[in-house]
């Protein structure tokens, strides 16, 4: 929680528990625009998630440091779909559909 910015320089990623943990501690994150990281940016907002493309270099870090120095809301919005209760409910529904032999998306 003491970090001003959590930098996660993944070269391959689908999703990141580390990014979600940082956001739960109200710490902005810098992540590549891979996998679900773009969804995190959309869901949590540009005040909290900043993405980069094509590798982490000095220019990307410089822009990120400028970005993180800006004022942001004191609380990080944590969308309901990322909360444990919602995850539990959706997981239970999925297993119920599997056990019932049904297929299909929401």
PDB file of N, CA and C in Angstrom:
ATOM      1  N   UNK A   1       0.810  -1.198   0.000  1.00  0.00           N
ATOM      2  CA  UNK A   1       0.000   0.000   0.000  1.00  0.00           C
ATOM      3  C   UNK A   1       0.856   1.266   0.000  1.00  0.00           C
ATOM      4  N   UNK A   2       2.156   1.124   0.194  1.00  0.00           N
ATOM      5  CA  UNK A   2       3.030   2.296   0.224  1.00  0.00           C
ATOM      6  C   UNK A   2       3.448   2.754  -1.168  1.00  0.00           C
ATOM      7  N   UNK A   3       3.162   1.964  -2.175  1.00  0.00           N
ATOM      8  CA  UNK A   3       3.577   2.295  -3.543  1.00  0.00           C
ATOM      9  C   UNK A   3       2.726   3.419  -4.116  1.00  0.00           C
ATOM     10  N   UNK A   4       3.362   4.292  -4.882  1.00  0.00           N
ATOM     11  CA  UNK A   4       2.624   5.315  -5.624  1.00  0.00           C
ATOM     12  C   UNK A   4       2.091   4.758  -6.936  1.00  0.00           C
ATOM     13  N   UNK A   5       2.751   3.734  -7.451  1.00  0.00           N
ATOM     14  CA  UNK A   5       2.381   3.107  -8.717  1.00  0.00           C
ATOM     15  C   UNK A   5       2.847   1.663  -8.693  1.00  0.00           C
ATOM     16  N   UNK A   6       1.985   0.755  -9.130  1.00  0.00           N
ATOM     17  CA  UNK A   6       2.352  -0.654  -9.258  1.00  0.00           C
ATOM     18  C   UNK A   6       2.555  -0.926 -10.744  1.00  0.00           C
ATOM     19  N   UNK A   7       3.792  -1.278 -11.094  1.00  0.00           N
ATOM     20  CA  UNK A   7       4.159  -1.539 -12.486  1.00  0.00           C
ATOM     21  C   UNK A   7       4.227  -3.048 -12.682  1.00  0.00           C
ATOM     22  N   UNK A   8       3.438  -3.557 -13.617  1.00  0.00           N
ATOM     23  CA  UNK A   8       3.392  -4.985 -13.907  1.00  0.00           C
ATOM     24  C   UNK A   8       3.762  -5.180 -15.377  1.00  0.00           C
ATOM     25  N   UNK A   9       5.046  -5.345 -15.667  1.00  0.00           N
ATOM     26  CA  UNK A   9       5.524  -5.366 -17.055  1.00  0.00           C
ATOM     27  C   UNK A   9       5.406  -6.736 -17.736  1.00  0.00           C
ATOM     28  N   UNK A  10       4.228  -7.321 -17.691  1.00  0.00           N
ATOM     29  CA  UNK A  10       4.014  -8.618 -18.316  1.00  0.00           C
ATOM     30  C   UNK A  10       4.317  -8.564 -19.812  1.00  0.00           C
ATOM     31  N   UNK A  11       4.869  -9.648 -20.327  1.00  0.00           N
ATOM     32  CA  UNK A  11       5.019  -9.772 -21.778  1.00  0.00           C
ATOM     33  C   UNK A  11       3.926 -10.666 -22.348  1.00  0.00           C
ATOM     34  N   UNK A  12       3.358 -11.513 -21.491  1.00  0.00           N
ATOM     35  CA  UNK A  12       2.199 -12.332 -21.843  1.00  0.00           C
ATOM     36  C   UNK A  12       1.308 -12.373 -20.608  1.00  0.00           C
ATOM     37  N   UNK A  13       0.022 -12.128 -20.797  1.00  0.00           N
ATOM     38  CA  UNK A  13      -0.891 -12.123 -19.656  1.00  0.00           C
ATOM     39  C   UNK A  13      -2.324 -12.286 -20.145  1.00  0.00           C
ATOM     40  N   UNK A  14      -3.110 -13.038 -19.398  1.00  0.00           N
ATOM     41  CA  UNK A  14      -4.552 -13.093 -19.649  1.00  0.00           C
ATOM     42  C   UNK A  14      -5.282 -12.248 -18.616  1.00  0.00           C
ATOM     43  N   UNK A  15      -4.981 -12.493 -17.332  1.00  0.00           N
ATOM     44  CA  UNK A  15      -5.540 -11.651 -16.268  1.00  0.00           C
ATOM     45  C   UNK A  15      -4.537 -11.598 -15.128  1.00  0.00           C
ATOM     46  N   UNK A  16      -4.745 -10.699 -14.188  1.00  0.00           N
ATOM     47  CA  UNK A  16      -3.745 -10.475 -13.156  1.00  0.00           C
ATOM     48  C   UNK A  16      -4.357 -10.256 -11.783  1.00  0.00           C
ATOM     49  N   UNK A  17      -4.129 -11.224 -10.904  1.00  0.00           N
ATOM     50  CA  UNK A  17      -4.522 -11.055  -9.518  1.00  0.00           C
ATOM     51  C   UNK A  17      -3.714  -9.958  -8.852  1.00  0.00           C
ATOM     52  N   UNK A  18      -2.473  -9.776  -9.294  1.00  0.00           N
ATOM     53  CA  UNK A  18      -1.624  -8.718  -8.734  1.00  0.00           C
ATOM     54  C   UNK A  18      -2.197  -7.339  -9.039  1.00  0.00           C
ATOM     55  N   UNK A  19      -2.708  -7.163 -10.233  1.00  0.00           N
ATOM     56  CA  UNK A  19      -3.324  -5.872 -10.585  1.00  0.00           C
ATOM     57  C   UNK A  19      -4.568  -5.630  -9.737  1.00  0.00           C
ATOM     58  N   UNK A  20      -5.387  -6.654  -9.565  1.00  0.00           N
ATOM     59  CA  UNK A  20      -6.588  -6.506  -8.747  1.00  0.00           C
ATOM     60  C   UNK A  20      -6.240  -6.246  -7.284  1.00  0.00           C
ATOM     61  N   UNK A  21      -5.202  -6.911  -6.790  1.00  0.00           N
ATOM     62  CA  UNK A  21      -4.773  -6.672  -5.413  1.00  0.00           C
ATOM     63  C   UNK A  21      -4.320  -5.222  -5.244  1.00  0.00           C
ATOM     64  N   UNK A  22      -3.515  -4.737  -6.176  1.00  0.00           N
ATOM     65  CA  UNK A  22      -3.056  -3.344  -6.112  1.00  0.00           C
ATOM     66  C   UNK A  22      -4.250  -2.388  -6.122  1.00  0.00           C
ATOM     67  N   UNK A  23      -5.205  -2.625  -6.989  1.00  0.00           N
ATOM     68  CA  UNK A  23      -6.383  -1.765  -7.063  1.00  0.00           C
ATOM     69  C   UNK A  23      -7.201  -1.831  -5.777  1.00  0.00           C
ATOM     70  N   UNK A  24      -7.252  -3.006  -5.153  1.00  0.00           N
ATOM     71  CA  UNK A  24      -7.988  -3.126  -3.891  1.00  0.00           C
ATOM     72  C   UNK A  24      -7.312  -2.327  -2.782  1.00  0.00           C
ATOM     73  N   UNK A  25      -6.010  -2.068  -2.920  1.00  0.00           N
ATOM     74  CA  UNK A  25      -5.272  -1.225  -1.979  1.00  0.00           C
ATOM     75  C   UNK A  25      -5.243   0.241  -2.436  1.00  0.00           C
ATOM     76  N   UNK A  26      -6.079   0.559  -3.430  1.00  0.00           N
ATOM     77  CA  UNK A  26      -6.172   1.928  -3.969  1.00  0.00           C
ATOM     78  C   UNK A  26      -4.833   2.404  -4.521  1.00  0.00           C
ATOM     79  N   UNK A  27      -4.164   1.521  -5.245  1.00  0.00           N
ATOM     80  CA  UNK A  27      -2.896   1.842  -5.894  1.00  0.00           C
ATOM     81  C   UNK A  27      -3.092   1.771  -7.394  1.00  0.00           C
ATOM     82  N   UNK A  28      -2.749   2.822  -8.129  1.00  0.00           N
ATOM     83  CA  UNK A  28      -2.859   2.795  -9.590  1.00  0.00           C
ATOM     84  C   UNK A  28      -1.871   1.786 -10.177  1.00  0.00           C
ATOM     85  N   UNK A  29      -2.249   1.219 -11.306  1.00  0.00           N
ATOM     86  CA  UNK A  29      -1.412   0.202 -11.942  1.00  0.00           C
ATOM     87  C   UNK A  29      -1.070   0.578 -13.375  1.00  0.00           C
ATOM     88  N   UNK A  30       0.123   0.157 -13.775  1.00  0.00           N
ATOM     89  CA  UNK A  30       0.601   0.280 -15.153  1.00  0.00           C
ATOM     90  C   UNK A  30       0.763  -1.134 -15.678  1.00  0.00           C
ATOM     91  N   UNK A  31       0.027  -1.466 -16.730  1.00  0.00           N
ATOM     92  CA  UNK A  31       0.022  -2.817 -17.288  1.00  0.00           C
ATOM     93  C   UNK A  31       0.034  -2.746 -18.820  1.00  0.00           C
ATOM     94  N   UNK A  32       0.501  -3.808 -19.472  1.00  0.00           N
ATOM     95  CA  UNK A  32       0.441  -3.821 -20.937  1.00  0.00           C
ATOM     96  C   UNK A  32      -1.001  -3.973 -21.413  1.00  0.00           C
ATOM     97  N   UNK A  33      -1.254  -3.568 -22.625  1.00  0.00           N
ATOM     98  CA  UNK A  33      -2.604  -3.689 -23.187  1.00  0.00           C
ATOM     99  C   UNK A  33      -2.821  -5.093 -23.760  1.00  0.00           C
ATOM    100  N   UNK A  34      -2.637  -6.090 -22.902  1.00  0.00           N
ATOM    101  CA  UNK A  34      -2.784  -7.497 -23.268  1.00  0.00           C
ATOM    102  C   UNK A  34      -3.884  -8.140 -22.431  1.00  0.00           C
ATOM    103  N   UNK A  35      -4.455  -9.223 -22.959  1.00  0.00           N
ATOM    104  CA  UNK A  35      -5.438  -9.977 -22.203  1.00  0.00           C
ATOM    105  C   UNK A  35      -6.553  -9.101 -21.660  1.00  0.00           C
ATOM    106  N   UNK A  36      -6.870  -9.319 -20.408  1.00  0.00           N
ATOM    107  CA  UNK A  36      -7.975  -8.569 -19.797  1.00  0.00           C
ATOM    108  C   UNK A  36      -7.532  -7.240 -19.185  1.00  0.00           C
ATOM    109  N   UNK A  37      -6.282  -6.850 -19.419  1.00  0.00           N
ATOM    110  CA  UNK A  37      -5.813  -5.587 -18.853  1.00  0.00           C
ATOM    111  C   UNK A  37      -6.561  -4.393 -19.445  1.00  0.00           C
ATOM    112  N   UNK A  38      -6.953  -4.489 -20.704  1.00  0.00           N
ATOM    113  CA  UNK A  38      -7.744  -3.426 -21.338  1.00  0.00           C
ATOM    114  C   UNK A  38      -9.117  -3.350 -20.665  1.00  0.00           C
ATOM    115  N   UNK A  39      -9.665  -4.518 -20.285  1.00  0.00           N
ATOM    116  CA  UNK A  39     -10.938  -4.530 -19.560  1.00  0.00           C
ATOM    117  C   UNK A  39     -10.789  -3.854 -18.196  1.00  0.00           C
ATOM    118  N   UNK A  40      -9.659  -4.098 -17.529  1.00  0.00           N
ATOM    119  CA  UNK A  40      -9.430  -3.435 -16.245  1.00  0.00           C
ATOM    120  C   UNK A  40      -9.426  -1.922 -16.417  1.00  0.00           C
ATOM    121  N   UNK A  41      -8.770  -1.457 -17.468  1.00  0.00           N
ATOM    122  CA  UNK A  41      -8.729  -0.011 -17.716  1.00  0.00           C
ATOM    123  C   UNK A  41     -10.138   0.537 -17.935  1.00  0.00           C
ATOM    124  N   UNK A  42     -10.924  -0.186 -18.696  1.00  0.00           N
ATOM    125  CA  UNK A  42     -12.301   0.239 -18.955  1.00  0.00           C
ATOM    126  C   UNK A  42     -13.141   0.172 -17.674  1.00  0.00           C
ATOM    127  N   UNK A  43     -13.002  -0.902 -16.907  1.00  0.00           N
ATOM    128  CA  UNK A  43     -13.845  -1.114 -15.733  1.00  0.00           C
ATOM    129  C   UNK A  43     -13.470  -0.233 -14.542  1.00  0.00           C
ATOM    130  N   UNK A  44     -12.183  -0.005 -14.332  1.00  0.00           N
ATOM    131  CA  UNK A  44     -11.741   0.776 -13.186  1.00  0.00           C
ATOM    132  C   UNK A  44     -11.510   2.244 -13.535  1.00  0.00           C
ATOM    133  N   UNK A  45     -11.320   2.519 -14.803  1.00  0.00           N
ATOM    134  CA  UNK A  45     -11.156   3.889 -15.251  1.00  0.00           C
ATOM    135  C   UNK A  45      -9.709   4.295 -15.435  1.00  0.00           C
ATOM    136  N   UNK A  46      -9.530   5.326 -16.243  1.00  0.00           N
ATOM    137  CA  UNK A  46      -8.196   5.814 -16.601  1.00  0.00           C
ATOM    138  C   UNK A  46      -7.477   6.474 -15.432  1.00  0.00           C
ATOM    139  N   UNK A  47      -8.179   6.777 -14.345  1.00  0.00           N
ATOM    140  CA  UNK A  47      -7.504   7.300 -13.156  1.00  0.00           C
ATOM    141  C   UNK A  47      -6.731   6.214 -12.425  1.00  0.00           C
ATOM    142  N   UNK A  48      -7.117   4.954 -12.634  1.00  0.00           N
ATOM    143  CA  UNK A  48      -6.549   3.864 -11.844  1.00  0.00           C
ATOM    144  C   UNK A  48      -5.745   2.857 -12.643  1.00  0.00           C
ATOM    145  N   UNK A  49      -6.043   2.707 -13.920  1.00  0.00           N
ATOM    146  CA  UNK A  49      -5.316   1.735 -14.749  1.00  0.00           C
ATOM    147  C   UNK A  49      -4.801   2.443 -15.994  1.00  0.00           C
ATOM    148  N   UNK A  50      -3.518   2.293 -16.213  1.00  0.00           N
ATOM    149  CA  UNK A  50      -2.866   2.885 -17.382  1.00  0.00           C
ATOM    150  C   UNK A  50      -2.202   1.746 -18.154  1.00  0.00           C
ATOM    151  N   UNK A  51      -2.486   1.658 -19.451  1.00  0.00           N
ATOM    152  CA  UNK A  51      -1.908   0.585 -20.256  1.00  0.00           C
ATOM    153  C   UNK A  51      -0.837   1.128 -21.201  1.00  0.00           C
ATOM    154  N   UNK A  52       0.045   0.238 -21.599  1.00  0.00           N
ATOM    155  CA  UNK A  52       1.073   0.583 -22.574  1.00  0.00           C
ATOM    156  C   UNK A  52       1.131  -0.499 -23.633  1.00  0.00           C
ATOM    157  N   UNK A  53       1.720  -0.168 -24.753  1.00  0.00           N
ATOM    158  CA  UNK A  53       1.817  -1.065 -25.903  1.00  0.00           C
ATOM    159  C   UNK A  53       3.288  -1.234 -26.287  1.00  0.00           C
ATOM    160  N   UNK A  54       3.657  -2.418 -26.698  1.00  0.00           N
ATOM    161  CA  UNK A  54       4.989  -2.684 -27.267  1.00  0.00           C
ATOM    162  C   UNK A  54       6.152  -2.513 -26.287  1.00  0.00           C
ATOM    163  N   UNK A  55       6.052  -3.070 -25.144  1.00  0.00           N
ATOM    164  CA  UNK A  55       7.193  -3.094 -24.236  1.00  0.00           C
ATOM    165  C   UNK A  55       7.293  -1.905 -23.308  1.00  0.00           C
ATOM    166  N   UNK A  56       7.934  -2.172 -22.183  1.00  0.00           N
ATOM    167  CA  UNK A  56       8.094  -1.158 -21.156  1.00  0.00           C
ATOM    168  C   UNK A  56       9.478  -0.548 -21.287  1.00  0.00           C
ATOM    169  N   UNK A  57       9.529   0.709 -21.621  1.00  0.00           N
ATOM    170  CA  UNK A  57      10.792   1.424 -21.765  1.00  0.00           C
ATOM    171  C   UNK A  57      10.746   2.743 -21.026  1.00  0.00           C
ATOM    172  N   UNK A  58      11.809   3.511 -21.180  1.00  0.00           N
ATOM    173  CA  UNK A  58      11.938   4.780 -20.472  1.00  0.00           C
ATOM    174  C   UNK A  58      10.797   5.745 -20.811  1.00  0.00           C
ATOM    175  N   UNK A  59      10.397   5.801 -22.058  1.00  0.00           N
ATOM    176  CA  UNK A  59       9.330   6.726 -22.460  1.00  0.00           C
ATOM    177  C   UNK A  59       8.001   6.334 -21.817  1.00  0.00           C
ATOM    178  N   UNK A  60       7.723   5.044 -21.768  1.00  0.00           N
ATOM    179  CA  UNK A  60       6.483   4.567 -21.147  1.00  0.00           C
ATOM    180  C   UNK A  60       6.493   4.893 -19.655  1.00  0.00           C
ATOM    181  N   UNK A  61       7.616   4.640 -18.999  1.00  0.00           N
ATOM    182  CA  UNK A  61       7.722   4.947 -17.570  1.00  0.00           C
ATOM    183  C   UNK A  61       7.598   6.444 -17.305  1.00  0.00           C
ATOM    184  N   UNK A  62       8.215   7.257 -18.150  1.00  0.00           N
ATOM    185  CA  UNK A  62       8.125   8.706 -17.980  1.00  0.00           C
ATOM    186  C   UNK A  62       6.673   9.160 -18.061  1.00  0.00           C
ATOM    187  N   UNK A  63       5.933   8.676 -19.066  1.00  0.00           N
ATOM    188  CA  UNK A  63       4.510   9.029 -19.195  1.00  0.00           C
ATOM    189  C   UNK A  63       3.721   8.524 -17.990  1.00  0.00           C
ATOM    190  N   UNK A  64       4.059   7.324 -17.516  1.00  0.00           N
ATOM    191  CA  UNK A  64       3.357   6.757 -16.360  1.00  0.00           C
ATOM    192  C   UNK A  64       3.613   7.582 -15.102  1.00  0.00           C
ATOM    193  N   UNK A  65       4.836   8.040 -14.922  1.00  0.00           N
ATOM    194  CA  UNK A  65       5.150   8.872 -13.753  1.00  0.00           C
ATOM    195  C   UNK A  65       4.391  10.196 -13.811  1.00  0.00           C
ATOM    196  N   UNK A  66       4.263  10.756 -15.005  1.00  0.00           N
ATOM    197  CA  UNK A  66       3.476  11.987 -15.160  1.00  0.00           C
ATOM    198  C   UNK A  66       2.002  11.710 -14.868  1.00  0.00           C
ATOM    199  N   UNK A  67       1.516  10.581 -15.360  1.00  0.00           N
ATOM    200  CA  UNK A  67       0.124  10.188 -15.154  1.00  0.00           C
ATOM    201  C   UNK A  67      -0.169   9.992 -13.666  1.00  0.00           C
ATOM    202  N   UNK A  68       0.699   9.271 -12.982  1.00  0.00           N
ATOM    203  CA  UNK A  68       0.436   8.939 -11.576  1.00  0.00           C
ATOM    204  C   UNK A  68       0.565  10.167 -10.673  1.00  0.00           C
ATOM    205  N   UNK A  69       1.269  11.192 -11.111  1.00  0.00           N
ATOM    206  CA  UNK A  69       1.434  12.409 -10.308  1.00  0.00           C
ATOM    207  C   UNK A  69       0.170  13.273 -10.308  1.00  0.00           C
ATOM    208  N   UNK A  70      -0.729  13.025 -11.261  1.00  0.00           N
ATOM    209  CA  UNK A  70      -1.972  13.790 -11.314  1.00  0.00           C
ATOM    210  C   UNK A  70      -2.887  13.409 -10.155  1.00  0.00           C
ATOM    211  N   UNK A  71      -3.732  14.326  -9.766  1.00  0.00           N
ATOM    212  CA  UNK A  71      -4.707  14.035  -8.718  1.00  0.00           C
ATOM    213  C   UNK A  71      -5.726  13.029  -9.223  1.00  0.00           C
ATOM    214  N   UNK A  72      -6.124  12.151  -8.347  1.00  0.00           N
ATOM    215  CA  UNK A  72      -7.160  11.164  -8.676  1.00  0.00           C
ATOM    216  C   UNK A  72      -8.104  11.067  -7.490  1.00  0.00           C
ATOM    217  N   UNK A  73      -9.278  10.496  -7.692  1.00  0.00           N
ATOM    218  CA  UNK A  73     -10.206  10.340  -6.568  1.00  0.00           C
ATOM    219  C   UNK A  73      -9.540   9.541  -5.441  1.00  0.00           C
ATOM    220  N   UNK A  74      -9.948   9.791  -4.207  1.00  0.00           N
ATOM    221  CA  UNK A  74      -9.322   9.117  -3.069  1.00  0.00           C
ATOM    222  C   UNK A  74      -9.729   7.656  -2.952  1.00  0.00           C
ATOM    223  N   UNK A  75     -10.832   7.293  -3.576  1.00  0.00           N
ATOM    224  CA  UNK A  75     -11.240   5.890  -3.554  1.00  0.00           C
ATOM    225  C   UNK A  75     -11.268   5.336  -4.973  1.00  0.00           C
ATOM    226  N   UNK A  76     -10.819   4.121  -5.076  1.00  0.00           N
ATOM    227  CA  UNK A  76     -10.816   3.422  -6.358  1.00  0.00           C
ATOM    228  C   UNK A  76     -12.154   2.720  -6.521  1.00  0.00           C
ATOM    229  N   UNK A  77     -12.852   2.961  -7.638  1.00  0.00           N
ATOM    230  CA  UNK A  77     -14.114   2.254  -7.839  1.00  0.00           C
ATOM    231  C   UNK A  77     -13.826   0.763  -8.031  1.00  0.00           C
ATOM    232  N   UNK A  78     -14.519  -0.074  -7.317  1.00  0.00           N
ATOM    233  CA  UNK A  78     -14.305  -1.514  -7.467  1.00  0.00           C
ATOM    234  C   UNK A  78     -15.598  -2.113  -7.996  1.00  0.00           C
ATOM    235  N   UNK A  79     -15.669  -2.310  -9.320  1.00  0.00           N
ATOM    236  CA  UNK A  79     -16.912  -2.790  -9.930  1.00  0.00           C
ATOM    237  C   UNK A  79     -17.406  -4.077  -9.268  1.00  0.00           C
ATOM    238  N   UNK A  80     -18.700  -4.191  -9.203  1.00  0.00           N
ATOM    239  CA  UNK A  80     -19.330  -5.337  -8.535  1.00  0.00           C
ATOM    240  C   UNK A  80     -18.849  -6.673  -9.086  1.00  0.00           C
ATOM    241  N   UNK A  81     -18.622  -6.762 -10.386  1.00  0.00           N
ATOM    242  CA  UNK A  81     -18.235  -8.056 -10.961  1.00  0.00           C
ATOM    243  C   UNK A  81     -16.876  -8.546 -10.466  1.00  0.00           C
ATOM    244  N   UNK A  82     -16.083  -7.689  -9.843  1.00  0.00           N
ATOM    245  CA  UNK A  82     -14.785  -8.081  -9.302  1.00  0.00           C
ATOM    246  C   UNK A  82     -14.848  -8.402  -7.805  1.00  0.00           C
ATOM    247  N   UNK A  83     -15.997  -8.258  -7.209  1.00  0.00           N
ATOM    248  CA  UNK A  83     -16.143  -8.533  -5.781  1.00  0.00           C
ATOM    249  C   UNK A  83     -16.385 -10.024  -5.557  1.00  0.00           C
ATOM    250  N   UNK A  84     -15.910 -10.534  -4.419  1.00  0.00           N
ATOM    251  CA  UNK A  84     -15.994 -11.971  -4.142  1.00  0.00           C
ATOM    252  C   UNK A  84     -17.423 -12.487  -4.200  1.00  0.00           C
ATOM    253  N   UNK A  85     -18.374 -11.733  -3.718  1.00  0.00           N
ATOM    254  CA  UNK A  85     -19.766 -12.194  -3.727  1.00  0.00           C
ATOM    255  C   UNK A  85     -20.239 -12.457  -5.158  1.00  0.00           C
ATOM    256  N   UNK A  86     -19.914 -11.562  -6.070  1.00  0.00           N
ATOM    257  CA  UNK A  86     -20.317 -11.745  -7.469  1.00  0.00           C
ATOM    258  C   UNK A  86     -19.582 -12.912  -8.108  1.00  0.00           C
ATOM    259  N   UNK A  87     -18.307 -13.029  -7.812  1.00  0.00           N
ATOM    260  CA  UNK A  87     -17.520 -14.137  -8.364  1.00  0.00           C
ATOM    261  C   UNK A  87     -18.082 -15.465  -7.860  1.00  0.00           C
ATOM    262  N   UNK A  88     -18.403 -15.523  -6.578  1.00  0.00           N
ATOM    263  CA  UNK A  88     -18.992 -16.743  -5.998  1.00  0.00           C
ATOM    264  C   UNK A  88     -20.308 -17.076  -6.691  1.00  0.00           C
ATOM    265  N   UNK A  89     -21.166 -16.078  -6.855  1.00  0.00           N
ATOM    266  CA  UNK A  89     -22.470 -16.301  -7.461  1.00  0.00           C
ATOM    267  C   UNK A  89     -22.343 -16.791  -8.895  1.00  0.00           C
ATOM    268  N   UNK A  90     -21.484 -16.137  -9.682  1.00  0.00           N
ATOM    269  CA  UNK A  90     -21.305 -16.537 -11.079  1.00  0.00           C
ATOM    270  C   UNK A  90     -20.675 -17.926 -11.196  1.00  0.00           C
ATOM    271  N   UNK A  91     -19.736 -18.245 -10.319  1.00  0.00           N
ATOM    272  CA  UNK A  91     -19.105 -19.567 -10.337  1.00  0.00           C
ATOM    273  C   UNK A  91     -20.128 -20.642  -9.987  1.00  0.00           C
ATOM    274  N   UNK A  92     -20.946 -20.386  -8.976  1.00  0.00           N
ATOM    275  CA  UNK A  92     -21.983 -21.337  -8.582  1.00  0.00           C
ATOM    276  C   UNK A  92     -22.970 -21.564  -9.725  1.00  0.00           C
ATOM    277  N   UNK A  93     -23.396 -20.481 -10.368  1.00  0.00           N
ATOM    278  CA  UNK A  93     -24.322 -20.615 -11.504  1.00  0.00           C
ATOM    279  C   UNK A  93     -23.712 -21.445 -12.627  1.00  0.00           C
ATOM    280  N   UNK A  94     -22.442 -21.203 -12.900  1.00  0.00           N
ATOM    281  CA  UNK A  94     -21.770 -21.959 -13.957  1.00  0.00           C
ATOM    282  C   UNK A  94     -21.779 -23.450 -13.637  1.00  0.00           C
ATOM    283  N   UNK A  95     -21.379 -23.813 -12.414  1.00  0.00           N
ATOM    284  CA  UNK A  95     -21.343 -25.234 -12.044  1.00  0.00           C
ATOM    285  C   UNK A  95     -22.731 -25.847 -12.026  1.00  0.00           C
ATOM    286  N   UNK A  96     -23.738 -25.089 -11.630  1.00  0.00           N
ATOM    287  CA  UNK A  96     -25.105 -25.595 -11.673  1.00  0.00           C
ATOM    288  C   UNK A  96     -25.532 -25.905 -13.104  1.00  0.00           C
ATOM    289  N   UNK A  97     -25.153 -25.028 -14.059  1.00  0.00           N
ATOM    290  CA  UNK A  97     -25.490 -25.279 -15.471  1.00  0.00           C
ATOM    291  C   UNK A  97     -24.734 -26.499 -15.982  1.00  0.00           C
ATOM    292  N   UNK A  98     -23.471 -26.626 -15.615  1.00  0.00           N
ATOM    293  CA  UNK A  98     -22.682 -27.791 -16.046  1.00  0.00           C
ATOM    294  C   UNK A  98     -23.306 -29.070 -15.498  1.00  0.00           C
ATOM    295  N   UNK A  99     -23.626 -29.066 -14.210  1.00  0.00           N
ATOM    296  CA  UNK A  99     -24.200 -30.257 -13.590  1.00  0.00           C
ATOM    297  C   UNK A  99     -25.575 -30.600 -14.173  1.00  0.00           C
ATOM    298  N   UNK A 100     -26.298 -29.582 -14.605  1.00  0.00           N
ATOM    299  CA  UNK A 100     -27.617 -29.805 -15.189  1.00  0.00           C
ATOM    300  C   UNK A 100     -27.509 -30.211 -16.659  1.00  0.00           C
ATOM    301  N   UNK A 101     -26.305 -30.165 -17.201  1.00  0.00           N
ATOM    302  CA  UNK A 101     -26.105 -30.549 -18.584  1.00  0.00           C
ATOM    303  C   UNK A 101     -26.483 -29.494 -19.604  1.00  0.00           C
ATOM    304  N   UNK A 102     -26.612 -28.254 -19.157  1.00  0.00           N
ATOM    305  CA  UNK A 102     -26.942 -27.177 -20.089  1.00  0.00           C
ATOM    306  C   UNK A 102     -25.683 -26.489 -20.529  1.00  0.00           C
ATOM    307  N   UNK A 103     -25.765 -25.885 -21.680  1.00  0.00           N
ATOM    308  CA  UNK A 103     -24.644 -25.110 -22.203  1.00  0.00           C
ATOM    309  C   UNK A 103     -25.151 -23.732 -22.517  1.00  0.00           C
ATOM    310  N   UNK A 104     -24.233 -22.859 -22.743  1.00  0.00           N
ATOM    311  CA  UNK A 104     -24.643 -21.516 -23.127  1.00  0.00           C
ATOM    312  C   UNK A 104     -24.040 -20.462 -22.221  1.00  0.00           C
ATOM    313  N   UNK A 105     -24.025 -19.298 -22.749  1.00  0.00           N
ATOM    314  CA  UNK A 105     -23.470 -18.152 -22.039  1.00  0.00           C
ATOM    315  C   UNK A 105     -24.605 -17.384 -21.405  1.00  0.00           C
ATOM    316  N   UNK A 106     -24.216 -16.441 -20.555  1.00  0.00           N
ATOM    317  CA  UNK A 106     -25.220 -15.574 -19.946  1.00  0.00           C
ATOM    318  C   UNK A 106     -25.909 -14.765 -20.987  1.00  0.00           C
TER     319      UNK A 106
END
